[in-house]
């Protein structure tokens, strides 16, 4: 029984995904908008919070970053980088499991609807 619990614990730790891990992968969505980074982030955030109550928004040196994660297991599910450009903002969405769309429609629709 102890071996089973230990193996399960290791499996869960091995599945942890940090924001830095997501940034090493290719973005699921890449787009541009004429909105400022703050305006765009404020549009997307409510939809993300409907999907994951703990979704957060942080200001960065070049714009904003939204993160949706399962804090209880230390896993970042989505990360949205919004960077200032000369004509508005560049948007990049990174997802832990990009092929899995069940329960994620609010996340992607918020990204597209706010463009």
N, C-alpha and C. Protein backbone atom coordinates (compact mmCIF):
# COMPACT_ATOMS: atom_id res chain seq x y z
N UNK A 1 0.82 -1.18 0.00
CA UNK A 1 0.00 0.00 0.00
C UNK A 1 0.88 1.26 0.00
N UNK A 2 1.94 1.26 0.81
CA UNK A 2 2.83 2.42 0.86
C UNK A 2 3.51 2.63 -0.49
N UNK A 3 3.86 1.55 -1.13
CA UNK A 3 4.51 1.66 -2.43
C UNK A 3 3.54 2.28 -3.44
N UNK A 4 2.29 1.88 -3.39
CA UNK A 4 1.28 2.43 -4.30
C UNK A 4 1.10 3.92 -4.07
N UNK A 5 1.03 4.35 -2.83
CA UNK A 5 0.87 5.77 -2.51
C UNK A 5 2.11 6.55 -2.96
N UNK A 6 3.29 6.00 -2.73
CA UNK A 6 4.53 6.65 -3.16
C UNK A 6 4.59 6.79 -4.67
N UNK A 7 4.20 5.75 -5.38
CA UNK A 7 4.22 5.79 -6.85
C UNK A 7 3.22 6.82 -7.38
N UNK A 8 2.05 6.89 -6.73
CA UNK A 8 1.05 7.87 -7.15
C UNK A 8 1.57 9.29 -6.91
N UNK A 9 2.23 9.52 -5.80
CA UNK A 9 2.81 10.83 -5.50
C UNK A 9 3.85 11.23 -6.54
N UNK A 10 4.71 10.30 -6.92
CA UNK A 10 5.73 10.59 -7.94
C UNK A 10 5.09 10.88 -9.29
N UNK A 11 4.04 10.17 -9.61
CA UNK A 11 3.35 10.39 -10.88
C UNK A 11 2.74 11.79 -10.92
N UNK A 12 2.16 12.22 -9.81
CA UNK A 12 1.57 13.55 -9.77
C UNK A 12 2.64 14.63 -9.88
N UNK A 13 3.76 14.45 -9.21
CA UNK A 13 4.84 15.43 -9.31
C UNK A 13 5.42 15.48 -10.71
N UNK A 14 5.50 14.36 -11.35
CA UNK A 14 6.03 14.32 -12.71
C UNK A 14 5.14 15.03 -13.70
N UNK A 15 3.87 15.20 -13.37
CA UNK A 15 2.92 15.85 -14.26
C UNK A 15 2.81 17.34 -14.04
N UNK A 16 3.55 17.91 -13.09
CA UNK A 16 3.47 19.34 -12.81
C UNK A 16 3.96 20.14 -14.01
N UNK A 17 3.25 21.21 -14.30
CA UNK A 17 3.62 22.08 -15.40
C UNK A 17 3.66 23.51 -14.88
N UNK A 18 4.78 24.19 -15.09
CA UNK A 18 4.92 25.57 -14.66
C UNK A 18 4.73 26.51 -15.85
N UNK A 19 4.53 27.80 -15.60
CA UNK A 19 4.45 28.74 -16.72
C UNK A 19 5.69 28.67 -17.63
N UNK A 20 6.86 28.51 -17.03
CA UNK A 20 8.08 28.41 -17.83
C UNK A 20 8.07 27.20 -18.75
N UNK A 21 7.50 26.09 -18.26
CA UNK A 21 7.38 24.89 -19.10
C UNK A 21 6.50 25.16 -20.31
N UNK A 22 5.38 25.86 -20.09
CA UNK A 22 4.47 26.15 -21.20
C UNK A 22 5.12 27.05 -22.24
N UNK A 23 5.92 28.01 -21.78
CA UNK A 23 6.56 28.93 -22.73
C UNK A 23 7.59 28.25 -23.61
N UNK A 24 8.04 27.06 -23.24
CA UNK A 24 8.99 26.30 -24.07
C UNK A 24 8.29 25.61 -25.24
N UNK A 25 6.96 25.50 -25.17
CA UNK A 25 6.21 24.85 -26.25
C UNK A 25 5.73 25.89 -27.25
N UNK A 26 5.17 25.42 -28.35
CA UNK A 26 4.61 26.32 -29.36
C UNK A 26 3.26 26.85 -28.88
N UNK A 27 2.94 28.10 -29.17
CA UNK A 27 1.64 28.63 -28.77
C UNK A 27 0.51 27.95 -29.53
N UNK A 28 -0.61 27.79 -28.84
CA UNK A 28 -1.81 27.22 -29.46
C UNK A 28 -2.48 28.27 -30.34
N UNK A 29 -2.47 29.52 -29.88
CA UNK A 29 -3.06 30.63 -30.63
C UNK A 29 -2.04 31.77 -30.68
N UNK A 30 -1.85 32.32 -31.86
CA UNK A 30 -1.04 33.53 -32.04
C UNK A 30 -1.89 34.51 -32.83
N UNK A 31 -2.03 35.73 -32.29
CA UNK A 31 -2.87 36.72 -32.96
C UNK A 31 -2.39 38.12 -32.61
N UNK A 32 -2.97 39.10 -33.28
CA UNK A 32 -2.71 40.49 -32.98
C UNK A 32 -4.04 41.22 -32.85
N UNK A 33 -4.03 42.25 -32.04
CA UNK A 33 -5.23 43.07 -31.84
C UNK A 33 -4.82 44.53 -31.77
N UNK A 34 -5.74 45.40 -32.09
CA UNK A 34 -5.46 46.83 -32.00
C UNK A 34 -5.65 47.34 -30.57
N UNK A 35 -6.14 46.50 -29.67
CA UNK A 35 -6.34 46.90 -28.27
C UNK A 35 -5.00 46.95 -27.54
N UNK A 36 -4.96 47.79 -26.50
CA UNK A 36 -3.77 47.85 -25.65
C UNK A 36 -3.70 46.55 -24.84
N UNK A 37 -2.52 46.19 -24.34
CA UNK A 37 -2.42 44.97 -23.53
C UNK A 37 -3.38 44.97 -22.34
N UNK A 38 -3.52 46.09 -21.65
CA UNK A 38 -4.41 46.14 -20.49
C UNK A 38 -5.87 45.97 -20.90
N UNK A 39 -6.27 46.66 -21.96
CA UNK A 39 -7.65 46.58 -22.45
C UNK A 39 -7.98 45.14 -22.86
N UNK A 40 -7.06 44.49 -23.55
CA UNK A 40 -7.28 43.11 -23.98
C UNK A 40 -7.33 42.16 -22.78
N UNK A 41 -6.39 42.31 -21.85
CA UNK A 41 -6.35 41.44 -20.67
C UNK A 41 -7.64 41.57 -19.85
N UNK A 42 -8.13 42.80 -19.69
CA UNK A 42 -9.35 43.03 -18.93
C UNK A 42 -10.58 42.45 -19.62
N UNK A 43 -10.51 42.30 -20.92
CA UNK A 43 -11.60 41.67 -21.67
C UNK A 43 -11.58 40.15 -21.49
N UNK A 44 -10.39 39.55 -21.53
CA UNK A 44 -10.25 38.09 -21.46
C UNK A 44 -10.45 37.53 -20.04
N UNK A 45 -9.99 38.26 -19.05
CA UNK A 45 -9.96 37.75 -17.67
C UNK A 45 -11.31 37.22 -17.15
N UNK A 46 -12.43 37.91 -17.34
CA UNK A 46 -13.69 37.37 -16.80
C UNK A 46 -14.06 35.98 -17.35
N UNK A 47 -13.82 35.75 -18.62
CA UNK A 47 -14.08 34.44 -19.21
C UNK A 47 -13.19 33.36 -18.61
N UNK A 48 -11.94 33.71 -18.37
CA UNK A 48 -11.01 32.76 -17.75
C UNK A 48 -11.43 32.45 -16.32
N UNK A 49 -11.91 33.47 -15.61
CA UNK A 49 -12.32 33.25 -14.23
C UNK A 49 -13.58 32.39 -14.14
N UNK A 50 -14.41 32.42 -15.17
CA UNK A 50 -15.57 31.50 -15.22
C UNK A 50 -15.09 30.06 -15.37
N UNK A 51 -14.02 29.88 -16.14
CA UNK A 51 -13.45 28.55 -16.37
C UNK A 51 -12.69 28.07 -15.14
N UNK A 52 -11.87 28.93 -14.58
CA UNK A 52 -11.01 28.59 -13.43
C UNK A 52 -11.01 29.79 -12.50
N UNK A 53 -11.66 29.65 -11.35
CA UNK A 53 -11.82 30.78 -10.43
C UNK A 53 -10.49 31.40 -10.01
N UNK A 54 -9.43 30.62 -10.01
CA UNK A 54 -8.13 31.13 -9.58
C UNK A 54 -7.30 31.74 -10.70
N UNK A 55 -7.89 32.04 -11.84
CA UNK A 55 -7.14 32.66 -12.94
C UNK A 55 -6.60 34.01 -12.48
N UNK A 56 -5.35 34.28 -12.82
CA UNK A 56 -4.71 35.52 -12.37
C UNK A 56 -4.21 36.34 -13.55
N UNK A 57 -4.06 37.64 -13.29
CA UNK A 57 -3.54 38.56 -14.28
C UNK A 57 -2.39 39.33 -13.63
N UNK A 58 -1.25 39.38 -14.31
CA UNK A 58 -0.09 40.10 -13.80
C UNK A 58 0.45 41.01 -14.87
N UNK A 59 0.89 42.19 -14.45
CA UNK A 59 1.54 43.11 -15.38
C UNK A 59 2.99 42.69 -15.55
N UNK A 60 3.49 42.74 -16.79
CA UNK A 60 4.89 42.42 -17.08
C UNK A 60 5.56 43.68 -17.63
N UNK A 61 6.83 43.59 -17.93
CA UNK A 61 7.55 44.74 -18.50
C UNK A 61 7.02 45.13 -19.88
N UNK A 62 6.49 44.16 -20.61
CA UNK A 62 6.04 44.42 -21.98
C UNK A 62 4.53 44.32 -22.17
N UNK A 63 3.77 44.06 -21.12
CA UNK A 63 2.33 43.93 -21.26
C UNK A 63 1.69 43.25 -20.06
N UNK A 64 0.96 42.16 -20.33
CA UNK A 64 0.26 41.42 -19.28
C UNK A 64 0.37 39.92 -19.51
N UNK A 65 0.17 39.17 -18.44
CA UNK A 65 0.19 37.70 -18.49
C UNK A 65 -0.99 37.19 -17.68
N UNK A 66 -1.79 36.33 -18.30
CA UNK A 66 -2.88 35.65 -17.60
C UNK A 66 -2.50 34.20 -17.42
N UNK A 67 -2.79 33.66 -16.25
CA UNK A 67 -2.47 32.26 -15.95
C UNK A 67 -3.68 31.59 -15.35
N UNK A 68 -4.00 30.43 -15.89
CA UNK A 68 -5.06 29.58 -15.35
C UNK A 68 -4.38 28.29 -14.88
N UNK A 69 -4.53 27.99 -13.60
CA UNK A 69 -3.83 26.81 -13.09
C UNK A 69 -4.67 26.08 -12.05
N UNK A 70 -4.31 24.82 -11.86
CA UNK A 70 -4.90 23.99 -10.81
C UNK A 70 -3.92 24.03 -9.65
N UNK A 71 -4.09 25.00 -8.76
CA UNK A 71 -3.15 25.21 -7.66
C UNK A 71 -2.99 23.99 -6.77
N UNK A 72 -4.07 23.23 -6.59
CA UNK A 72 -4.02 22.10 -5.67
C UNK A 72 -3.01 21.04 -6.11
N UNK A 73 -2.74 20.98 -7.41
CA UNK A 73 -1.77 19.99 -7.89
C UNK A 73 -0.56 20.67 -8.55
N UNK A 74 -0.46 21.99 -8.42
CA UNK A 74 0.70 22.71 -8.93
C UNK A 74 0.87 22.62 -10.43
N UNK A 75 -0.21 22.80 -11.16
CA UNK A 75 -0.16 22.63 -12.60
C UNK A 75 -0.75 23.85 -13.31
N UNK A 76 0.02 24.44 -14.19
CA UNK A 76 -0.46 25.54 -15.00
C UNK A 76 -1.10 24.96 -16.25
N UNK A 77 -2.37 25.30 -16.48
CA UNK A 77 -3.09 24.76 -17.63
C UNK A 77 -3.01 25.67 -18.85
N UNK A 78 -3.16 26.98 -18.65
CA UNK A 78 -3.09 27.93 -19.75
C UNK A 78 -2.29 29.16 -19.32
N UNK A 79 -1.63 29.74 -20.30
CA UNK A 79 -0.87 30.97 -20.08
C UNK A 79 -1.09 31.85 -21.30
N UNK A 80 -1.50 33.07 -21.08
CA UNK A 80 -1.73 34.02 -22.16
C UNK A 80 -0.75 35.17 -22.01
N UNK A 81 0.13 35.33 -22.99
CA UNK A 81 1.09 36.44 -23.02
C UNK A 81 0.52 37.53 -23.93
N UNK A 82 0.45 38.73 -23.40
CA UNK A 82 -0.05 39.87 -24.16
C UNK A 82 1.05 40.92 -24.15
N UNK A 83 1.62 41.19 -25.31
CA UNK A 83 2.75 42.12 -25.40
C UNK A 83 2.39 43.33 -26.24
N UNK A 84 2.85 44.48 -25.79
CA UNK A 84 2.64 45.75 -26.49
C UNK A 84 3.37 45.73 -27.83
N UNK A 85 2.70 46.19 -28.87
CA UNK A 85 3.32 46.39 -30.18
C UNK A 85 3.04 47.84 -30.60
N UNK A 86 3.60 48.24 -31.71
CA UNK A 86 3.37 49.61 -32.18
C UNK A 86 1.93 49.84 -32.63
N UNK A 87 1.21 48.76 -32.93
CA UNK A 87 -0.17 48.89 -33.42
C UNK A 87 -1.20 48.32 -32.46
N UNK A 88 -0.80 47.95 -31.25
CA UNK A 88 -1.73 47.36 -30.29
C UNK A 88 -1.04 46.30 -29.45
N UNK A 89 -1.46 45.04 -29.65
CA UNK A 89 -0.90 43.96 -28.84
C UNK A 89 -0.71 42.69 -29.65
N UNK A 90 0.29 41.93 -29.25
CA UNK A 90 0.52 40.59 -29.77
C UNK A 90 0.03 39.62 -28.69
N UNK A 91 -0.74 38.62 -29.10
CA UNK A 91 -1.36 37.68 -28.17
C UNK A 91 -0.86 36.27 -28.47
N UNK A 92 -0.43 35.56 -27.42
CA UNK A 92 0.00 34.17 -27.58
C UNK A 92 -0.57 33.34 -26.43
N UNK A 93 -1.31 32.31 -26.79
CA UNK A 93 -1.90 31.40 -25.80
C UNK A 93 -1.12 30.10 -25.81
N UNK A 94 -0.67 29.70 -24.63
CA UNK A 94 0.03 28.43 -24.44
C UNK A 94 -0.86 27.54 -23.57
N UNK A 95 -1.00 26.27 -23.97
CA UNK A 95 -1.84 25.35 -23.21
C UNK A 95 -1.08 24.08 -22.89
N UNK A 96 -1.35 23.54 -21.69
CA UNK A 96 -0.68 22.32 -21.25
C UNK A 96 -1.02 21.15 -22.16
N UNK A 97 -2.26 20.96 -22.45
CA UNK A 97 -2.69 19.87 -23.34
C UNK A 97 -3.53 20.49 -24.45
N UNK A 98 -2.88 21.02 -25.49
CA UNK A 98 -3.61 21.78 -26.51
C UNK A 98 -4.69 20.98 -27.24
N UNK A 99 -4.55 19.69 -27.37
CA UNK A 99 -5.55 18.90 -28.07
C UNK A 99 -6.81 18.64 -27.27
N UNK A 100 -6.73 18.81 -25.95
CA UNK A 100 -7.88 18.55 -25.09
C UNK A 100 -8.74 19.81 -25.01
N UNK A 101 -9.93 19.76 -25.58
CA UNK A 101 -10.78 20.94 -25.63
C UNK A 101 -11.96 20.87 -24.67
N UNK A 102 -12.21 19.70 -24.08
CA UNK A 102 -13.35 19.54 -23.18
C UNK A 102 -13.17 20.46 -21.98
N UNK A 103 -14.16 21.32 -21.74
CA UNK A 103 -14.11 22.23 -20.61
C UNK A 103 -13.25 23.46 -20.81
N UNK A 104 -12.68 23.62 -21.98
CA UNK A 104 -11.79 24.76 -22.23
C UNK A 104 -12.38 25.77 -23.21
N UNK A 105 -13.61 25.60 -23.60
CA UNK A 105 -14.18 26.48 -24.61
C UNK A 105 -14.22 27.93 -24.14
N UNK A 106 -14.43 28.18 -22.84
CA UNK A 106 -14.43 29.55 -22.31
C UNK A 106 -13.07 30.20 -22.48
N UNK A 107 -12.02 29.42 -22.30
CA UNK A 107 -10.66 29.95 -22.40
C UNK A 107 -10.39 30.42 -23.83
N UNK A 108 -10.56 29.53 -24.79
CA UNK A 108 -10.25 29.89 -26.18
C UNK A 108 -11.25 30.89 -26.75
N UNK A 109 -12.53 30.77 -26.40
CA UNK A 109 -13.50 31.73 -26.94
C UNK A 109 -13.23 33.12 -26.39
N UNK A 110 -12.78 33.23 -25.14
CA UNK A 110 -12.44 34.55 -24.58
C UNK A 110 -11.27 35.16 -25.33
N UNK A 111 -10.29 34.35 -25.67
CA UNK A 111 -9.12 34.83 -26.41
C UNK A 111 -9.56 35.35 -27.79
N UNK A 112 -10.37 34.60 -28.50
CA UNK A 112 -10.82 35.01 -29.83
C UNK A 112 -11.83 36.17 -29.79
N UNK A 113 -12.79 36.10 -28.87
CA UNK A 113 -13.86 37.12 -28.83
C UNK A 113 -13.35 38.51 -28.47
N UNK A 114 -12.24 38.58 -27.76
CA UNK A 114 -11.72 39.89 -27.34
C UNK A 114 -10.79 40.52 -28.36
N UNK A 115 -10.44 39.78 -29.40
CA UNK A 115 -9.53 40.34 -30.40
C UNK A 115 -10.18 41.55 -31.05
